Amino acid sequence: MTVTKEDVFDMLNADPKEVSAEITRAFYENYNYLKENGGHAIDGKLRRQALNQVLYYWKKNRALMERITDSEVKLTLPEQKTPNLSLPFSIEGVVDIVEESDRTILYDLKTHDPERIKADTEPYREQLYVYAYIWKNLMGNRVDDTAIIATPLPKDLTNAIKDMEENGLSQSPVVEKELEKWEPLIPIGYEEEEVARMIQGFGEVVEKIETHQFSPPPLKTLEEKKKGFKYPFAVHVCRNCDARFSCDSYSEYVRKANGIKKRGEMFEYMLPLKDENEDFIDGNLQEQ
């Protein structure tokens, strides 16, 4: 299904009940498409939770959505050079843009828990500043501000919705109260003088990758849970790294976590630390 910008504005100007019905229809149309083409399905309970996330995200962020001038903008800046070795690389990113009067604001949507984002905003700041650098180079316009939009519903709101639905209600003052308390918008800010430093750091990382420089953190770091994270560093970071299966620290972590005594027991070593259903819940939903 293709949704145009005009479709979105028609929905924003429509009656809220009509919008909810259209979102529900589009949700199931997309779900069925993904199920048929990807071969993955989720049960009715999780489908309902996923739909609620979309519906309440729209309800909470409608005012912001009306201000967005460009959605899901793909930014690409080719022919960059690393600072020391002049190695070529490109930078890409996807953001939402708000341009009003003489101000430009970049928003980045994340499925991460908002407390996790607030606990360590620096990685998100670096990412948004890099996007701001691309935007300025491509469009010739400076960026005035940046922010993260965290899409997961808070646990208290999720529980209030669950209680409302179990009681056969379509409205609840508790749900409205929790919806009012929800703060998905996390300001990051923007400091022009910091951009050059972050771009240089980005280029230095590219150089390390291209020259095969890799120093893994110690086992202790892999076992630690950072503030706002449900799982240790090895789950959130290492298992997304292509080099993990040749990393001594990760190898030691997995052997210890799974009780593996022999280094050659690669079958156990290759097993994922969580299954796909747990990933889905952790990324977007609250497990009940």
C-alpha atoms as a PDB file:
ATOM      1  CA  MET A   1       0.000   0.000   0.000  1.00  0.00           C
ATOM      2  CA  THR A   2       1.296   3.482  -0.906  1.00  0.00           C
ATOM      3  CA  VAL A   3       0.312   6.414   1.312  1.00  0.00           C
ATOM      4  CA  THR A   4       0.932   9.879  -0.133  1.00  0.00           C
ATOM      5  CA  LYS A   5       1.429  13.110   1.765  1.00  0.00           C
ATOM      6  CA  GLU A   6      -2.030  14.180   0.614  1.00  0.00           C
ATOM      7  CA  ASP A   7      -3.489  10.992   2.112  1.00  0.00           C
ATOM      8  CA  VAL A   8      -1.893  11.828   5.456  1.00  0.00           C
ATOM      9  CA  PHE A   9      -3.287  15.366   5.515  1.00  0.00           C
ATOM     10  CA  ASP A  10      -6.729  14.112   4.503  1.00  0.00           C
ATOM     11  CA  MET A  11      -6.572  11.763   7.489  1.00  0.00           C
ATOM     12  CA  LEU A  12      -5.441  14.543   9.827  1.00  0.00           C
ATOM     13  CA  ASN A  13      -8.395  16.693   8.789  1.00  0.00           C
ATOM     14  CA  ALA A  14     -10.892  13.847   9.113  1.00  0.00           C
ATOM     15  CA  ASP A  15     -13.013  12.830  12.072  1.00  0.00           C
ATOM     16  CA  PRO A  16     -10.885  10.975  14.695  1.00  0.00           C
ATOM     17  CA  LYS A  17     -13.085   7.871  14.401  1.00  0.00           C
ATOM     18  CA  GLU A  18     -12.574   7.817  10.639  1.00  0.00           C
ATOM     19  CA  VAL A  19      -8.821   8.178  11.111  1.00  0.00           C
ATOM     20  CA  SER A  20      -8.747   5.306  13.619  1.00  0.00           C
ATOM     21  CA  ALA A  21     -10.686   3.115  11.210  1.00  0.00           C
ATOM     22  CA  GLU A  22      -8.319   3.973   8.344  1.00  0.00           C
ATOM     23  CA  ILE A  23      -5.231   3.321  10.494  1.00  0.00           C
ATOM     24  CA  THR A  24      -6.679  -0.045  11.538  1.00  0.00           C
ATOM     25  CA  ARG A  25      -7.414  -0.983   7.933  1.00  0.00           C
ATOM     26  CA  ALA A  26      -3.929   0.034   6.772  1.00  0.00           C
ATOM     27  CA  PHE A  27      -2.324  -1.777   9.716  1.00  0.00           C
ATOM     28  CA  TYR A  28      -3.926  -5.118   8.877  1.00  0.00           C
ATOM     29  CA  GLU A  29      -3.313  -4.670   5.165  1.00  0.00           C
ATOM     30  CA  ASN A  30       0.389  -4.147   5.837  1.00  0.00           C
ATOM     31  CA  TYR A  31       0.500  -6.945   8.414  1.00  0.00           C
ATOM     32  CA  ASN A  32      -1.013  -9.432   5.963  1.00  0.00           C
ATOM     33  CA  TYR A  33       1.416  -8.320   3.272  1.00  0.00           C
ATOM     34  CA  LEU A  34       4.407  -8.810   5.582  1.00  0.00           C
ATOM     35  CA  LYS A  35       3.082 -12.164   6.770  1.00  0.00           C
ATOM     36  CA  GLU A  36       2.617 -13.458   3.236  1.00  0.00           C
ATOM     37  CA  ASN A  37       5.940 -12.158   1.945  1.00  0.00           C
ATOM     38  CA  GLY A  38       8.106 -12.614   5.024  1.00  0.00           C
ATOM     39  CA  GLY A  39       6.591 -15.762   6.455  1.00  0.00           C
ATOM     40  CA  HIS A  40       6.305 -14.333   9.979  1.00  0.00           C
ATOM     41  CA  ALA A  41       3.129 -13.995  12.026  1.00  0.00           C
ATOM     42  CA  ILE A  42       2.258 -12.875  15.561  1.00  0.00           C
ATOM     43  CA  ASP A  43      -0.692 -13.952  17.670  1.00  0.00           C
ATOM     44  CA  GLY A  44      -3.844 -11.895  18.158  1.00  0.00           C
ATOM     45  CA  LYS A  45      -2.776 -10.459  21.500  1.00  0.00           C
ATOM     46  CA  LEU A  46       0.476  -9.065  20.150  1.00  0.00           C
ATOM     47  CA  ARG A  47      -1.250  -7.829  16.990  1.00  0.00           C
ATOM     48  CA  ARG A  48      -3.662  -5.862  19.125  1.00  0.00           C
ATOM     49  CA  GLN A  49      -0.812  -4.407  21.170  1.00  0.00           C
ATOM     50  CA  ALA A  50       0.996  -3.413  17.977  1.00  0.00           C
ATOM     51  CA  LEU A  51      -2.147  -1.761  16.589  1.00  0.00           C
ATOM     52  CA  ASN A  52      -2.688   0.085  19.876  1.00  0.00           C
ATOM     53  CA  GLN A  53       0.846   1.400  19.653  1.00  0.00           C
ATOM     54  CA  VAL A  54       0.107   2.897  16.230  1.00  0.00           C
ATOM     55  CA  LEU A  55      -3.305   4.276  17.221  1.00  0.00           C
ATOM     56  CA  TYR A  56      -2.143   5.903  20.435  1.00  0.00           C
ATOM     57  CA  TYR A  57       1.047   7.160  18.814  1.00  0.00           C
ATOM     58  CA  TRP A  58      -1.125   9.000  16.277  1.00  0.00           C
ATOM     59  CA  LYS A  59      -3.462  10.292  18.996  1.00  0.00           C
ATOM     60  CA  LYS A  60      -0.587  11.616  21.100  1.00  0.00           C
ATOM     61  CA  ASN A  61       1.483  13.081  18.258  1.00  0.00           C
ATOM     62  CA  ARG A  62      -1.224  14.417  15.955  1.00  0.00           C
ATOM     63  CA  ALA A  63      -0.219  18.063  16.493  1.00  0.00           C
ATOM     64  CA  LEU A  64       3.398  17.291  15.631  1.00  0.00           C
ATOM     65  CA  MET A  65       2.404  15.223  12.601  1.00  0.00           C
ATOM     66  CA  GLU A  66       0.444  18.191  11.256  1.00  0.00           C
ATOM     67  CA  ARG A  67       3.642  20.283  11.389  1.00  0.00           C
ATOM     68  CA  ILE A  68       5.901  17.799   9.596  1.00  0.00           C
ATOM     69  CA  THR A  69       6.690  19.113   6.128  1.00  0.00           C
ATOM     70  CA  ASP A  70       8.718  16.121   4.880  1.00  0.00           C
ATOM     71  CA  SER A  71       8.401  12.581   6.220  1.00  0.00           C
ATOM     72  CA  GLU A  72      10.891   9.699   5.996  1.00  0.00           C
ATOM     73  CA  VAL A  73      13.386  11.823   4.067  1.00  0.00           C
ATOM     74  CA  LYS A  74      16.385   9.779   2.952  1.00  0.00           C
ATOM     75  CA  LEU A  75      19.549  11.830   3.269  1.00  0.00           C
ATOM     76  CA  THR A  76      22.640  10.722   1.350  1.00  0.00           C
ATOM     77  CA  LEU A  77      25.956  12.539   1.231  1.00  0.00           C
ATOM     78  CA  PRO A  78      28.517  10.768  -1.009  1.00  0.00           C
ATOM     79  CA  GLU A  79      32.209  11.368  -1.679  1.00  0.00           C
ATOM     80  CA  GLN A  80      33.295  12.093   1.885  1.00  0.00           C
ATOM     81  CA  LYS A  81      36.915  11.517   2.972  1.00  0.00           C
ATOM     82  CA  THR A  82      38.201  10.196   6.285  1.00  0.00           C
ATOM     83  CA  PRO A  83      40.358  12.719   8.225  1.00  0.00           C
ATOM     84  CA  ASN A  84      43.707  10.892   8.232  1.00  0.00           C
ATOM     85  CA  LEU A  85      43.825   8.428   5.335  1.00  0.00           C
ATOM     86  CA  SER A  86      41.386  10.190   2.972  1.00  0.00           C
ATOM     87  CA  LEU A  87      39.410   6.991   2.478  1.00  0.00           C
ATOM     88  CA  PRO A  88      36.140   7.553   0.570  1.00  0.00           C
ATOM     89  CA  PHE A  89      32.811   6.939   2.290  1.00  0.00           C
ATOM     90  CA  SER A  90      29.167   8.002   2.125  1.00  0.00           C
ATOM     91  CA  ILE A  91      26.734   8.927   4.902  1.00  0.00           C
ATOM     92  CA  GLU A  92      23.045   8.024   4.805  1.00  0.00           C
ATOM     93  CA  GLY A  93      20.115   8.568   7.125  1.00  0.00           C
ATOM     94  CA  VAL A  94      16.323   8.857   7.284  1.00  0.00           C
ATOM     95  CA  VAL A  95      14.577  11.652   9.207  1.00  0.00           C
ATOM     96  CA  ASP A  96      11.367  13.669   9.440  1.00  0.00           C
ATOM     97  CA  ILE A  97      11.657  17.397   8.763  1.00  0.00           C
ATOM     98  CA  VAL A  98       9.695  20.330  10.155  1.00  0.00           C
ATOM     99  CA  GLU A  99      10.238  23.663   8.405  1.00  0.00           C
ATOM    100  CA  GLU A 100       8.234  26.562   9.785  1.00  0.00           C
ATOM    101  CA  SER A 101       9.005  30.247   9.333  1.00  0.00           C
ATOM    102  CA  ASP A 102      12.803  30.397   9.340  1.00  0.00           C
ATOM    103  CA  ARG A 103      13.406  27.326  11.543  1.00  0.00           C
ATOM    104  CA  THR A 104      14.293  23.750  10.562  1.00  0.00           C
ATOM    105  CA  ILE A 105      13.929  20.863  13.024  1.00  0.00           C
ATOM    106  CA  LEU A 106      15.047  17.262  12.476  1.00  0.00           C
ATOM    107  CA  TYR A 107      13.172  14.399  14.154  1.00  0.00           C
ATOM    108  CA  ASP A 108      14.315  10.783  14.316  1.00  0.00           C
ATOM    109  CA  LEU A 109      11.886   8.007  15.288  1.00  0.00           C
ATOM    110  CA  LYS A 110      13.197   5.267  17.584  1.00  0.00           C
ATOM    111  CA  THR A 111      11.593   2.081  18.899  1.00  0.00           C
ATOM    112  CA  HIS A 112      13.885   2.224  21.938  1.00  0.00           C
ATOM    113  CA  ASP A 113      12.509   2.648  25.445  1.00  0.00           C
ATOM    114  CA  PRO A 114      12.499   6.398  26.263  1.00  0.00           C
ATOM    115  CA  GLU A 115      14.274   5.814  29.584  1.00  0.00           C
ATOM    116  CA  ARG A 116      17.063   4.089  27.685  1.00  0.00           C
ATOM    117  CA  ILE A 117      17.383   7.109  25.398  1.00  0.00           C
ATOM    118  CA  LYS A 118      17.355   9.604  28.280  1.00  0.00           C
ATOM    119  CA  ALA A 119      19.966   7.548  30.159  1.00  0.00           C
ATOM    120  CA  ASP A 120      22.487   8.066  27.359  1.00  0.00           C
ATOM    121  CA  THR A 121      21.547  10.649  24.745  1.00  0.00           C
ATOM    122  CA  GLU A 122      25.055  10.986  23.282  1.00  0.00           C
ATOM    123  CA  PRO A 123      24.741   8.263  20.565  1.00  0.00           C
ATOM    124  CA  TYR A 124      21.433   9.771  19.438  1.00  0.00           C
ATOM    125  CA  ARG A 125      22.902  13.270  19.493  1.00  0.00           C
ATOM    126  CA  GLU A 126      25.816  12.151  17.321  1.00  0.00           C
ATOM    127  CA  GLN A 127      23.460  10.511  14.830  1.00  0.00           C
ATOM    128  CA  LEU A 128      21.198  13.555  14.559  1.00  0.00           C
ATOM    129  CA  TYR A 129      24.159  15.922  14.243  1.00  0.00           C
ATOM    130  CA  VAL A 130      25.495  13.826  11.362  1.00  0.00           C
ATOM    131  CA  TYR A 131      22.057  14.041   9.716  1.00  0.00           C
ATOM    132  CA  ALA A 132      22.081  17.803  10.279  1.00  0.00           C
ATOM    133  CA  TYR A 133      25.465  17.966   8.542  1.00  0.00           C
ATOM    134  CA  ILE A 134      24.054  16.084   5.544  1.00  0.00           C
ATOM    135  CA  TRP A 135      20.979  18.327   5.429  1.00  0.00           C
ATOM    136  CA  LYS A 136      23.067  21.506   5.465  1.00  0.00           C
ATOM    137  CA  ASN A 137      25.383  20.223   2.718  1.00  0.00           C
ATOM    138  CA  LEU A 138      22.535  19.024   0.499  1.00  0.00           C
ATOM    139  CA  MET A 139      19.999  21.796   1.021  1.00  0.00           C
ATOM    140  CA  GLY A 140      22.189  24.729   1.997  1.00  0.00           C
ATOM    141  CA  ASN A 141      20.010  25.346   5.066  1.00  0.00           C
ATOM    142  CA  ARG A 142      21.199  25.133   8.634  1.00  0.00           C
ATOM    143  CA  VAL A 143      19.366  23.070  11.245  1.00  0.00           C
ATOM    144  CA  ASP A 144      18.020  24.855  14.319  1.00  0.00           C
ATOM    145  CA  ASP A 145      17.002  21.951  16.538  1.00  0.00           C
ATOM    146  CA  THR A 146      16.784  18.147  16.758  1.00  0.00           C
ATOM    147  CA  ALA A 147      14.742  15.652  18.769  1.00  0.00           C
ATOM    148  CA  ILE A 148      13.995  11.952  19.163  1.00  0.00           C
ATOM    149  CA  ILE A 149      10.455  10.566  19.041  1.00  0.00           C
ATOM    150  CA  ALA A 150      10.293   7.361  21.101  1.00  0.00           C
ATOM    151  CA  THR A 151       7.442   5.219  19.767  1.00  0.00           C
ATOM    152  CA  PRO A 152       6.920   2.545  22.513  1.00  0.00           C
ATOM    153  CA  LEU A 153       3.916   3.108  24.766  1.00  0.00           C
ATOM    154  CA  PRO A 154       4.724   3.521  28.482  1.00  0.00           C
ATOM    155  CA  LYS A 155       3.999   0.474  30.630  1.00  0.00           C
ATOM    156  CA  ASP A 156       1.295   2.265  32.665  1.00  0.00           C
ATOM    157  CA  LEU A 157      -0.502   3.349  29.487  1.00  0.00           C
ATOM    158  CA  THR A 158      -0.283  -0.165  28.035  1.00  0.00           C
ATOM    159  CA  ASN A 159      -1.749  -1.639  31.230  1.00  0.00           C
ATOM    160  CA  ALA A 160      -4.530   0.962  31.308  1.00  0.00           C
ATOM    161  CA  ILE A 161      -5.478   0.129  27.701  1.00  0.00           C
ATOM    162  CA  LYS A 162      -5.449  -3.577  28.536  1.00  0.00           C
ATOM    163  CA  ASP A 163      -7.775  -3.058  31.534  1.00  0.00           C
ATOM    164  CA  MET A 164     -10.115  -0.898  29.446  1.00  0.00           C
ATOM    165  CA  GLU A 165     -10.378  -3.507  26.688  1.00  0.00           C
ATOM    166  CA  GLU A 166     -10.826  -6.402  29.119  1.00  0.00           C
ATOM    167  CA  ASN A 167     -13.765  -4.520  30.651  1.00  0.00           C
ATOM    168  CA  GLY A 168     -15.325  -4.040  27.222  1.00  0.00           C
ATOM    169  CA  LEU A 169     -14.923  -0.253  27.269  1.00  0.00           C
ATOM    170  CA  SER A 170     -13.975   2.039  24.396  1.00  0.00           C
ATOM    171  CA  GLN A 171     -12.917   4.952  26.629  1.00  0.00           C
ATOM    172  CA  SER A 172     -11.314   5.275  30.042  1.00  0.00           C
ATOM    173  CA  PRO A 173     -10.286   8.279  32.169  1.00  0.00           C
ATOM    174  CA  VAL A 174      -7.260   6.283  33.318  1.00  0.00           C
ATOM    175  CA  VAL A 175      -6.144   5.783  29.717  1.00  0.00           C
ATOM    176  CA  GLU A 176      -6.603   9.488  28.992  1.00  0.00           C
ATOM    177  CA  LYS A 177      -4.616  10.380  32.109  1.00  0.00           C
ATOM    178  CA  GLU A 178      -1.733   8.071  31.178  1.00  0.00           C
ATOM    179  CA  LEU A 179      -1.824   9.311  27.580  1.00  0.00           C
ATOM    180  CA  GLU A 180      -1.507  12.878  28.854  1.00  0.00           C
ATOM    181  CA  LYS A 181       1.504  11.891  30.996  1.00  0.00           C
ATOM    182  CA  TRP A 182       3.295  10.192  28.097  1.00  0.00           C
ATOM    183  CA  GLU A 183       6.225  12.224  26.736  1.00  0.00           C
ATOM    184  CA  PRO A 184       7.474  10.558  23.528  1.00  0.00           C
ATOM    185  CA  LEU A 185       9.314  13.681  22.350  1.00  0.00           C
ATOM    186  CA  ILE A 186      12.871  13.814  23.722  1.00  0.00           C
ATOM    187  CA  PRO A 187      14.661  17.101  22.924  1.00  0.00           C
ATOM    188  CA  ILE A 188      18.272  16.671  21.829  1.00  0.00           C
ATOM    189  CA  GLY A 189      19.109  20.234  20.821  1.00  0.00           C
ATOM    190  CA  TYR A 190      21.646  21.393  18.278  1.00  0.00           C
ATOM    191  CA  GLU A 191      25.060  23.045  18.610  1.00  0.00           C
ATOM    192  CA  GLU A 192      26.685  23.951  15.302  1.00  0.00           C
ATOM    193  CA  GLU A 193      30.207  23.966  16.746  1.00  0.00           C
ATOM    194  CA  GLU A 194      29.889  20.303  17.781  1.00  0.00           C
ATOM    195  CA  VAL A 195      29.139  19.033  14.278  1.00  0.00           C
ATOM    196  CA  ALA A 196      32.715  19.143  12.952  1.00  0.00           C
ATOM    197  CA  ARG A 197      33.974  17.106  15.912  1.00  0.00           C
ATOM    198  CA  MET A 198      31.299  14.454  15.419  1.00  0.00           C
ATOM    199  CA  ILE A 199      31.889  14.219  11.666  1.00  0.00           C
ATOM    200  CA  GLN A 200      35.605  13.757  12.306  1.00  0.00           C
ATOM    201  CA  GLY A 201      34.804  11.035  14.836  1.00  0.00           C
ATOM    202  CA  PHE A 202      32.549   9.376  12.270  1.00  0.00           C
ATOM    203  CA  GLY A 203      35.384   9.406   9.736  1.00  0.00           C
ATOM    204  CA  GLU A 204      37.820   7.963  12.270  1.00  0.00           C
ATOM    205  CA  VAL A 205      35.471   5.052  12.910  1.00  0.00           C
ATOM    206  CA  VAL A 206      35.295   4.432   9.154  1.00  0.00           C
ATOM    207  CA  GLU A 207      39.098   4.334   9.054  1.00  0.00           C
ATOM    208  CA  LYS A 208      39.245   1.784  11.858  1.00  0.00           C
ATOM    209  CA  ILE A 209      36.723  -0.410  10.067  1.00  0.00           C
ATOM    210  CA  GLU A 210      38.528  -0.190   6.739  1.00  0.00           C
ATOM    211  CA  THR A 211      41.960  -0.867   8.288  1.00  0.00           C
ATOM    212  CA  HIS A 212      40.610  -3.748  10.408  1.00  0.00           C
ATOM    213  CA  GLN A 213      41.353  -2.100  13.742  1.00  0.00           C
ATOM    214  CA  PHE A 214      39.181  -3.663  16.397  1.00  0.00           C
ATOM    215  CA  SER A 215      39.730  -3.787  20.159  1.00  0.00           C
ATOM    216  CA  PRO A 216      36.797  -5.544  21.853  1.00  0.00           C
ATOM    217  CA  PRO A 217      35.731  -4.457  25.326  1.00  0.00           C
ATOM    218  CA  PRO A 218      36.475  -6.816  28.226  1.00  0.00           C
ATOM    219  CA  LEU A 219      34.047  -9.528  29.334  1.00  0.00           C
ATOM    220  CA  LYS A 220      32.949  -7.373  32.284  1.00  0.00           C
ATOM    221  CA  THR A 221      31.610  -4.730  29.892  1.00  0.00           C
ATOM    222  CA  LEU A 222      29.689  -7.342  27.895  1.00  0.00           C
ATOM    223  CA  GLU A 223      27.997  -8.559  31.075  1.00  0.00           C
ATOM    224  CA  GLU A 224      26.955  -5.116  32.319  1.00  0.00           C
ATOM    225  CA  LYS A 225      23.482  -3.632  31.939  1.00  0.00           C
ATOM    226  CA  LYS A 226      23.518   0.070  31.219  1.00  0.00           C
ATOM    227  CA  LYS A 227      20.870   2.284  32.772  1.00  0.00           C
ATOM    228  CA  GLY A 228      17.604   2.062  30.836  1.00  0.00           C
ATOM    229  CA  PHE A 229      18.530  -1.275  29.207  1.00  0.00           C
ATOM    230  CA  LYS A 230      16.803  -4.592  29.919  1.00  0.00           C
ATOM    231  CA  TYR A 231      19.669  -6.724  28.669  1.00  0.00           C
ATOM    232  CA  PRO A 232      23.478  -6.619  28.932  1.00  0.00           C
ATOM    233  CA  PHE A 233      25.850  -4.990  26.463  1.00  0.00           C
ATOM    234  CA  ALA A 234      26.458  -8.322  24.699  1.00  0.00           C
ATOM    235  CA  VAL A 235      22.777  -8.580  23.736  1.00  0.00           C
ATOM    236  CA  HIS A 236      22.144  -4.967  22.776  1.00  0.00           C
ATOM    237  CA  VAL A 237      25.414  -4.336  20.945  1.00  0.00           C
ATOM    238  CA  CYS A 238      27.591  -7.379  20.292  1.00  0.00           C
ATOM    239  CA  ARG A 239      25.031  -9.596  18.616  1.00  0.00           C
ATOM    240  CA  ASN A 240      24.568  -6.923  15.935  1.00  0.00           C
ATOM    241  CA  CYS A 241      28.304  -6.932  15.188  1.00  0.00           C
ATOM    242  CA  ASP A 242      29.507  -8.938  12.186  1.00  0.00           C
ATOM    243  CA  ALA A 243      32.836  -9.588  13.919  1.00  0.00           C
ATOM    244  CA  ARG A 244      31.357 -11.204  17.032  1.00  0.00           C
ATOM    245  CA  PHE A 245      32.157 -14.784  16.030  1.00  0.00           C
ATOM    246  CA  SER A 246      35.863 -13.990  15.844  1.00  0.00           C
ATOM    247  CA  CYS A 247      35.811 -11.888  19.019  1.00  0.00           C
ATOM    248  CA  ASP A 248      37.424 -13.434  22.111  1.00  0.00           C
ATOM    249  CA  SER A 249      35.299 -11.377  24.516  1.00  0.00           C
ATOM    250  CA  TYR A 250      32.014 -12.361  22.864  1.00  0.00           C
ATOM    251  CA  SER A 251      33.122 -15.990  22.586  1.00  0.00           C
ATOM    252  CA  GLU A 252      33.916 -16.026  26.297  1.00  0.00           C
ATOM    253  CA  TYR A 253      30.579 -14.366  27.125  1.00  0.00           C
ATOM    254  CA  VAL A 254      28.513 -16.883  25.142  1.00  0.00           C
ATOM    255  CA  ARG A 255      30.418 -19.876  26.524  1.00  0.00           C
ATOM    256  CA  LYS A 256      29.880 -18.599  30.050  1.00  0.00           C
ATOM    257  CA  ALA A 257      26.208 -17.702  29.473  1.00  0.00           C
ATOM    258  CA  ASN A 258      25.418 -21.116  27.979  1.00  0.00           C
ATOM    259  CA  GLY A 259      27.650 -23.212  30.201  1.00  0.00           C
ATOM    260  CA  ILE A 260      29.916 -24.186  27.297  1.00  0.00           C
ATOM    261  CA  LYS A 261      33.178 -25.694  28.500  1.00  0.00           C
ATOM    262  CA  LYS A 262      34.818 -26.554  25.195  1.00  0.00           C
ATOM    263  CA  ARG A 263      35.754 -23.926  22.642  1.00  0.00           C
ATOM    264  CA  GLY A 264      34.716 -26.228  19.799  1.00  0.00           C
ATOM    265  CA  GLU A 265      31.048 -26.441  20.774  1.00  0.00           C
ATOM    266  CA  MET A 266      30.097 -24.040  17.990  1.00  0.00           C
ATOM    267  CA  PHE A 267      26.471 -25.146  17.704  1.00  0.00           C
ATOM    268  CA  GLU A 268      25.663 -23.724  21.136  1.00  0.00           C
ATOM    269  CA  TYR A 269      27.895 -20.748  20.428  1.00  0.00           C
ATOM    270  CA  MET A 270      25.903 -19.835  17.328  1.00  0.00           C
ATOM    271  CA  LEU A 271      22.511 -19.911  19.053  1.00  0.00           C
ATOM    272  CA  PRO A 272      20.788 -16.515  19.403  1.00  0.00           C
ATOM    273  CA  LEU A 273      20.516 -15.140  22.920  1.00  0.00           C
ATOM    274  CA  LYS A 274      16.816 -14.281  22.438  1.00  0.00           C
ATOM    275  CA  ASP A 275      14.214 -15.501  20.002  1.00  0.00           C
ATOM    276  CA  GLU A 276      12.390 -13.319  17.464  1.00  0.00           C
ATOM    277  CA  ASN A 277       9.242 -13.054  19.550  1.00  0.00           C
ATOM    278  CA  GLU A 278      11.239 -11.645  22.479  1.00  0.00           C
ATOM    279  CA  ASP A 279      12.948  -9.206  20.118  1.00  0.00           C
ATOM    280  CA  PHE A 280       9.589  -7.927  18.875  1.00  0.00           C
ATOM    281  CA  ILE A 281       8.248  -7.441  22.394  1.00  0.00           C
ATOM    282  CA  ASP A 282      11.430  -5.792  23.612  1.00  0.00           C
ATOM    283  CA  GLY A 283      11.578  -3.418  20.650  1.00  0.00           C
ATOM    284  CA  ASN A 284       8.005  -2.194  20.558  1.00  0.00           C
ATOM    285  CA  LEU A 285       5.659  -3.755  23.082  1.00  0.00           C
ATOM    286  CA  GLN A 286       5.340  -4.355  26.781  1.00  0.00           C
ATOM    287  CA  GLU A 287       5.385  -8.005  27.749  1.00  0.00           C
ATOM    288  CA  GLN A 288       2.376  -8.922  29.847  1.00  0.00           C
END
